[in-house]
């Protein structure tokens, strides 16, 4: 999009308008902290669903016009669920506060979700995923943030910027496609700022070490997808950057948390009393996470080409359904997701999929992070259109997975460390907003949101540092205590 003051002024009246939706996944646990084995108890609710398994609860908000309103609805949904779980016939149940699961006693601890009638295919699809990727990866839970621009904003943008695009629907598709490309380029920043999963119970890996972040293995014994080799990194002077070996140099030191030596972290992680201090800040977003067995290359030139580039993976057998495309950012139509609907009706909203559950929030979501994603979207909207090449797409996915490491000194494809890249990105975003006209209240809100994110750049300031400090000694028991504490707080 043309980054001009004229274009900004034309849309500034509706700049902070928008539509927000949240999806938060979590695992139901019993009173002892084990994964609940009861059937999904919210069958009649359209806003409290399940994801892969019967015990993986998913909260789905409606569409709200502010980050505050959508976070408030998410809290209401949690209260509704916890009221029912507190009176469960088999004993009270709770909601696990982390993206990483609690202790796993058996591969059957997360039974495939059971759907009946016309939805029976959902159960069969989950069985297919279990066979292809293994059941352990399905235990990861996260947060998806959905956003769409207001109709007034899009109309103002169309009237000002529709050069060469006469049809409004095509223009809107172009806006979201370009935003999807830029969002994927900046997925590493979202991961870095919202990662909150540096510890887990050793049962997650079945006693095996975390696999290396590079290499060409096709998968491990559980059927988890393998990783692809990262592109060679160079620093600003053209010298080789951090090697793959140094990139896996382990966890960073945190207050009260053990520091991984290069030797121990090179083998995967540190384990104490069943608790593993991971090399990852977010295992689900890292090189060992829940990704396809190949790097998807998509065509962003227009919506038809984008859809075709996904369909080619289905036609080749690499994917069973388009929904199996595991990508950090996704554009979606109104209603149920399908490529036919997307192509016929156009893009309705964009979805960011790499946010971890925040264990310091009773609902797993911090409103400041939702506010920041809105600012990031606005910043990216006004970045210039640029072809998203195959090499750039591979680098973007590699950078995202690298940013999921605890070691934020690791080098990204731009030649800078993850930490320094984040500092530079936040400074650029702040400069972008400071240079533009807006009301004093809006400017104050923008600066507050950015200051919240910039505070994470200070050593010990990220969610992962606090989680490692608080839970490295006993992830399971302290996680259970936290789940019960949040239940009591929300039920009041």
Foldseek 3Di string as FASTA:
>chain_A
DAQDQVLCVLQVVQLLWKKKKKKWKWFKAALQQAGDPDAQPPVPDPQWDADFFRGIIIGIFDIDGALVVNVVRLLVVQLVVQVDQCVDPVHHMFTFQWQQGAADDDLCSGHGHQDDDPCRVSSVVSVVCCVQANSLLVSGIFMKMKMDGDPSSLVSSCVVPVVPPDDSQQVRLLLVLLLLLVCLLCLLLLLLFFQFPQKHFCVSVPVAADDQLEDQDQHDPRNHGAFYHAPFAAAPVRHTFDDSLVLQQAADDFAQFDGGGSVRSSRFFDDDPRMTRGQFSHCCLASRHRAQNDQQDAFSPGLVRRLVSLVVCCVVVSDVASVSHDGQKDFAPPDDGDSVRCVPVHTGIMMGINHIQQLVDLSSDDSLSSVVVSLVSSVSSNDDRDGCDPVNSSLSSNSNNSSRGNPQQHAGRHNGGNLVVSVVVLVVSLVSVVVHDDDPVVNVSVVVSSVLSVQCSPVCRHSNSVCSNPPRNPVSVVSSVSRVVSSVVSND
